[in-house]
Amino acid sequence: MRVRGRSRRRTSVAALCCYKPGENSRLIHRPRNHLPLKGAHKSFSWQDYRDLLVRAHIQLGGPILVIWDNLNTHLAAGLKRYEAEHDWLTTVRLPPYAPDLNPVEAVWSLVRRAMANTVFGTPDDLDRKLRRELRRIQLRPHLIDGCLTATELTLPPPTPP
């Protein structure tokens, strides 16, 4: 297969694994392409994470508890202010160097495994494959449950109404 030279375009993805006792697990994600412009962001900013949380709040229709890893963007002052200003949002921090407690790390493992040994002719081919794999995981709640099981964390049983 002929492949052009390197692309300077960068793709980032943020994702949330959403669990609620008694309901199907959900994966909410947001891919973003970053253009190679001078001074442009090369990853998600705290505003991008804020927008992802707002989208999750709308989709899930209720308050959310977010368990963050210690990515520097998750610790940004603007995001902390936003968290403090909204009572529907509660955050907890994972201990440093604890990727084994983060279910999203297992999602990335599933995506990488599906994309291994693949040659992409264009950045658009990569984007299509990435979105297809994330969608495949979204449609299979048992895979998202397996990501939580891999952390050895558990959810409390559902409380009766």
C-alpha atoms as a PDB file:
ATOM      1  CA  MET A   1       0.000   0.000   0.000  1.00  0.00           C
ATOM      2  CA  ARG A   2       1.331   3.442  -0.845  1.00  0.00           C
ATOM      3  CA  VAL A   3       1.413   5.817   2.071  1.00  0.00           C
ATOM      4  CA  ARG A   4       2.173   9.501   1.949  1.00  0.00           C
ATOM      5  CA  GLY A   5       4.779  11.066   4.202  1.00  0.00           C
ATOM      6  CA  ARG A   6       4.025  11.875   7.786  1.00  0.00           C
ATOM      7  CA  SER A   7       1.029  13.918   8.725  1.00  0.00           C
ATOM      8  CA  ARG A   8       1.370  16.596  11.332  1.00  0.00           C
ATOM      9  CA  ARG A   9      -2.291  16.373  12.180  1.00  0.00           C
ATOM     10  CA  ARG A  10      -2.966  15.035  15.633  1.00  0.00           C
ATOM     11  CA  THR A  11      -6.070  13.278  16.934  1.00  0.00           C
ATOM     12  CA  SER A  12      -7.004  13.288  20.618  1.00  0.00           C
ATOM     13  CA  VAL A  13      -9.899  11.503  22.277  1.00  0.00           C
ATOM     14  CA  ALA A  14     -11.483  12.060  25.675  1.00  0.00           C
ATOM     15  CA  ALA A  15     -13.893   9.479  27.034  1.00  0.00           C
ATOM     16  CA  LEU A  16     -16.067   8.790  30.050  1.00  0.00           C
ATOM     17  CA  CYS A  17     -17.185   5.327  31.139  1.00  0.00           C
ATOM     18  CA  CYS A  18     -20.581   5.828  32.775  1.00  0.00           C
ATOM     19  CA  TYR A  19     -21.960   3.338  35.276  1.00  0.00           C
ATOM     20  CA  LYS A  20     -25.234   3.347  37.179  1.00  0.00           C
ATOM     21  CA  PRO A  21     -26.414   0.317  39.157  1.00  0.00           C
ATOM     22  CA  GLY A  22     -29.310  -1.391  37.425  1.00  0.00           C
ATOM     23  CA  GLU A  23     -28.727   0.332  34.048  1.00  0.00           C
ATOM     24  CA  ASN A  24     -26.624  -0.388  30.976  1.00  0.00           C
ATOM     25  CA  SER A  25     -23.142   1.085  31.085  1.00  0.00           C
ATOM     26  CA  ARG A  26     -22.387   3.849  28.622  1.00  0.00           C
ATOM     27  CA  LEU A  27     -19.340   5.282  26.899  1.00  0.00           C
ATOM     28  CA  ILE A  28     -19.378   8.983  26.066  1.00  0.00           C
ATOM     29  CA  HIS A  29     -16.469  10.175  23.962  1.00  0.00           C
ATOM     30  CA  ARG A  30     -15.319  13.163  22.008  1.00  0.00           C
ATOM     31  CA  PRO A  31     -12.592  12.873  19.336  1.00  0.00           C
ATOM     32  CA  ARG A  32     -10.844  16.040  18.258  1.00  0.00           C
ATOM     33  CA  ASN A  33      -8.464  16.767  15.401  1.00  0.00           C
ATOM     34  CA  HIS A  34      -5.753  19.314  16.049  1.00  0.00           C
ATOM     35  CA  LEU A  35      -4.312  21.216  13.146  1.00  0.00           C
ATOM     36  CA  PRO A  36      -0.573  21.943  13.031  1.00  0.00           C
ATOM     37  CA  LEU A  37      -0.973  25.686  13.487  1.00  0.00           C
ATOM     38  CA  LYS A  38       1.568  27.665  15.419  1.00  0.00           C
ATOM     39  CA  GLY A  39       0.318  28.267  18.950  1.00  0.00           C
ATOM     40  CA  ALA A  40      -2.653  25.894  18.568  1.00  0.00           C
ATOM     41  CA  HIS A  41      -3.516  23.363  21.285  1.00  0.00           C
ATOM     42  CA  LYS A  42      -2.136  19.890  20.652  1.00  0.00           C
ATOM     43  CA  SER A  43      -4.412  18.221  23.170  1.00  0.00           C
ATOM     44  CA  PHE A  44      -7.649  18.799  25.056  1.00  0.00           C
ATOM     45  CA  SER A  45      -7.902  21.937  27.161  1.00  0.00           C
ATOM     46  CA  TRP A  46      -9.811  22.158  30.424  1.00  0.00           C
ATOM     47  CA  GLN A  47     -12.638  23.839  28.469  1.00  0.00           C
ATOM     48  CA  ASP A  48     -12.888  20.748  26.253  1.00  0.00           C
ATOM     49  CA  TYR A  49     -13.222  18.540  29.324  1.00  0.00           C
ATOM     50  CA  ARG A  50     -15.815  20.931  30.749  1.00  0.00           C
ATOM     51  CA  ASP A  51     -17.815  20.649  27.509  1.00  0.00           C
ATOM     52  CA  LEU A  52     -17.578  16.847  27.674  1.00  0.00           C
ATOM     53  CA  LEU A  53     -18.926  16.910  31.246  1.00  0.00           C
ATOM     54  CA  VAL A  54     -21.809  19.171  30.207  1.00  0.00           C
ATOM     55  CA  ARG A  55     -22.643  16.805  27.328  1.00  0.00           C
ATOM     56  CA  ALA A  56     -22.545  13.821  29.726  1.00  0.00           C
ATOM     57  CA  HIS A  57     -24.794  15.649  32.189  1.00  0.00           C
ATOM     58  CA  ILE A  58     -27.327  16.316  29.426  1.00  0.00           C
ATOM     59  CA  GLN A  59     -27.186  12.754  28.054  1.00  0.00           C
ATOM     60  CA  LEU A  60     -27.356  11.064  31.456  1.00  0.00           C
ATOM     61  CA  GLY A  61     -30.033  13.406  32.775  1.00  0.00           C
ATOM     62  CA  GLY A  62     -28.831  13.749  36.330  1.00  0.00           C
ATOM     63  CA  PRO A  63     -25.975  14.486  38.673  1.00  0.00           C
ATOM     64  CA  ILE A  64     -22.638  12.853  37.954  1.00  0.00           C
ATOM     65  CA  LEU A  65     -19.705  11.681  40.008  1.00  0.00           C
ATOM     66  CA  VAL A  66     -16.502  11.901  37.974  1.00  0.00           C
ATOM     67  CA  ILE A  67     -13.410  10.005  39.012  1.00  0.00           C
ATOM     68  CA  TRP A  68     -10.455  11.795  37.431  1.00  0.00           C
ATOM     69  CA  ASP A  69      -6.946  10.559  36.985  1.00  0.00           C
ATOM     70  CA  ASN A  70      -4.180  13.075  37.647  1.00  0.00           C
ATOM     71  CA  LEU A  71      -3.768  14.388  34.122  1.00  0.00           C
ATOM     72  CA  ASN A  72      -2.571  17.975  34.440  1.00  0.00           C
ATOM     73  CA  THR A  73      -5.585  19.272  32.491  1.00  0.00           C
ATOM     74  CA  HIS A  74      -7.940  17.627  34.993  1.00  0.00           C
ATOM     75  CA  LEU A  75      -6.162  19.580  37.740  1.00  0.00           C
ATOM     76  CA  ALA A  76      -6.462  22.965  35.961  1.00  0.00           C
ATOM     77  CA  ALA A  77      -7.747  25.854  38.063  1.00  0.00           C
ATOM     78  CA  GLY A  78     -10.515  26.674  35.566  1.00  0.00           C
ATOM     79  CA  LEU A  79     -11.890  23.134  35.708  1.00  0.00           C
ATOM     80  CA  LYS A  80     -11.725  23.105  39.517  1.00  0.00           C
ATOM     81  CA  ARG A  81     -13.686  26.404  39.584  1.00  0.00           C
ATOM     82  CA  TYR A  82     -16.275  24.944  37.233  1.00  0.00           C
ATOM     83  CA  GLU A  83     -16.619  21.864  39.449  1.00  0.00           C
ATOM     84  CA  ALA A  84     -17.118  24.045  42.536  1.00  0.00           C
ATOM     85  CA  GLU A  85     -19.813  26.173  40.831  1.00  0.00           C
ATOM     86  CA  HIS A  86     -22.061  23.248  39.780  1.00  0.00           C
ATOM     87  CA  ASP A  87     -23.823  21.113  42.354  1.00  0.00           C
ATOM     88  CA  TRP A  88     -24.669  18.394  39.799  1.00  0.00           C
ATOM     89  CA  LEU A  89     -20.955  17.616  39.447  1.00  0.00           C
ATOM     90  CA  THR A  90     -18.900  15.823  42.087  1.00  0.00           C
ATOM     91  CA  THR A  91     -15.287  14.892  41.442  1.00  0.00           C
ATOM     92  CA  VAL A  92     -12.896  12.481  43.084  1.00  0.00           C
ATOM     93  CA  ARG A  93      -9.226  12.090  42.200  1.00  0.00           C
ATOM     94  CA  LEU A  94      -7.528   8.755  41.691  1.00  0.00           C
ATOM     95  CA  PRO A  95      -4.239   8.330  43.506  1.00  0.00           C
ATOM     96  CA  PRO A  96      -1.140   9.217  41.460  1.00  0.00           C
ATOM     97  CA  TYR A  97       0.196   6.476  39.182  1.00  0.00           C
ATOM     98  CA  ALA A  98      -2.940   4.330  39.380  1.00  0.00           C
ATOM     99  CA  PRO A  99      -3.952   3.622  35.759  1.00  0.00           C
ATOM    100  CA  ASP A 100      -5.103   0.169  36.869  1.00  0.00           C
ATOM    101  CA  LEU A 101      -8.006   1.886  38.706  1.00  0.00           C
ATOM    102  CA  ASN A 102      -9.183   3.790  35.618  1.00  0.00           C
ATOM    103  CA  PRO A 103     -11.735   1.933  33.426  1.00  0.00           C
ATOM    104  CA  VAL A 104     -11.050   4.278  30.503  1.00  0.00           C
ATOM    105  CA  GLU A 105      -7.515   2.852  30.275  1.00  0.00           C
ATOM    106  CA  ALA A 106      -9.110  -0.511  29.441  1.00  0.00           C
ATOM    107  CA  VAL A 107     -11.176   1.202  26.722  1.00  0.00           C
ATOM    108  CA  TRP A 108      -7.966   2.539  25.164  1.00  0.00           C
ATOM    109  CA  SER A 109      -6.540  -0.980  25.329  1.00  0.00           C
ATOM    110  CA  LEU A 110      -9.545  -2.316  23.394  1.00  0.00           C
ATOM    111  CA  VAL A 111      -9.197   0.441  20.785  1.00  0.00           C
ATOM    112  CA  ARG A 112      -5.447  -0.098  20.371  1.00  0.00           C
ATOM    113  CA  ARG A 113      -5.934  -3.855  20.032  1.00  0.00           C
ATOM    114  CA  ALA A 114      -8.533  -3.350  17.281  1.00  0.00           C
ATOM    115  CA  MET A 115      -6.278  -0.935  15.402  1.00  0.00           C
ATOM    116  CA  ALA A 116      -3.020  -2.890  15.747  1.00  0.00           C
ATOM    117  CA  ASN A 117      -1.135  -3.866  12.594  1.00  0.00           C
ATOM    118  CA  THR A 118      -3.224  -1.526  10.450  1.00  0.00           C
ATOM    119  CA  VAL A 119      -1.819   0.858   7.881  1.00  0.00           C
ATOM    120  CA  PHE A 120      -3.804   4.044   7.375  1.00  0.00           C
ATOM    121  CA  GLY A 121      -3.445   5.714   3.984  1.00  0.00           C
ATOM    122  CA  THR A 122      -4.686   9.074   5.240  1.00  0.00           C
ATOM    123  CA  PRO A 123      -5.438  10.706   8.594  1.00  0.00           C
ATOM    124  CA  ASP A 124      -9.127  10.478   7.667  1.00  0.00           C
ATOM    125  CA  ASP A 125      -8.803   6.672   7.468  1.00  0.00           C
ATOM    126  CA  LEU A 126      -7.409   6.674  11.001  1.00  0.00           C
ATOM    127  CA  ASP A 127     -10.240   8.911  12.229  1.00  0.00           C
ATOM    128  CA  ARG A 128     -12.895   6.666  10.647  1.00  0.00           C
ATOM    129  CA  LYS A 129     -11.407   3.531  12.198  1.00  0.00           C
ATOM    130  CA  LEU A 130     -11.084   5.214  15.608  1.00  0.00           C
ATOM    131  CA  ARG A 131     -14.701   6.398  15.585  1.00  0.00           C
ATOM    132  CA  ARG A 132     -15.892   2.987  14.378  1.00  0.00           C
ATOM    133  CA  GLU A 133     -14.086   1.213  17.231  1.00  0.00           C
ATOM    134  CA  LEU A 134     -15.422   3.629  19.851  1.00  0.00           C
ATOM    135  CA  ARG A 135     -18.923   3.179  18.453  1.00  0.00           C
ATOM    136  CA  ARG A 136     -18.498  -0.613  18.537  1.00  0.00           C
ATOM    137  CA  ILE A 137     -17.631  -0.383  22.233  1.00  0.00           C
ATOM    138  CA  GLN A 138     -20.562   1.983  22.873  1.00  0.00           C
ATOM    139  CA  LEU A 139     -22.978  -0.550  21.430  1.00  0.00           C
ATOM    140  CA  ARG A 140     -21.667  -3.332  23.692  1.00  0.00           C
ATOM    141  CA  PRO A 141     -22.319  -2.425  27.353  1.00  0.00           C
ATOM    142  CA  HIS A 142     -20.728  -5.709  28.452  1.00  0.00           C
ATOM    143  CA  LEU A 143     -17.375  -4.422  27.130  1.00  0.00           C
ATOM    144  CA  ILE A 144     -17.736  -1.253  29.209  1.00  0.00           C
ATOM    145  CA  ASP A 145     -18.672  -3.399  32.220  1.00  0.00           C
ATOM    146  CA  GLY A 146     -15.544  -5.460  31.581  1.00  0.00           C
ATOM    147  CA  CYS A 147     -13.457  -2.292  31.743  1.00  0.00           C
ATOM    148  CA  LEU A 148     -14.790  -1.679  35.259  1.00  0.00           C
ATOM    149  CA  THR A 149     -14.255  -5.321  36.215  1.00  0.00           C
ATOM    150  CA  ALA A 150     -10.606  -5.022  35.142  1.00  0.00           C
ATOM    151  CA  THR A 151     -10.110  -2.324  37.799  1.00  0.00           C
ATOM    152  CA  GLU A 152     -11.448  -4.667  40.514  1.00  0.00           C
ATOM    153  CA  LEU A 153     -13.691  -1.806  41.663  1.00  0.00           C
ATOM    154  CA  THR A 154     -17.366  -2.532  42.272  1.00  0.00           C
ATOM    155  CA  LEU A 155     -20.626  -0.605  42.151  1.00  0.00           C
ATOM    156  CA  PRO A 156     -23.051  -0.756  45.034  1.00  0.00           C
ATOM    157  CA  PRO A 157     -26.262  -2.657  44.265  1.00  0.00           C
ATOM    158  CA  PRO A 158     -29.190  -0.549  43.003  1.00  0.00           C
ATOM    159  CA  THR A 159     -31.313   0.996  45.718  1.00  0.00           C
ATOM    160  CA  PRO A 160     -35.033   0.353  45.454  1.00  0.00           C
ATOM    161  CA  PRO A 161     -37.194   3.444  44.797  1.00  0.00           C
END
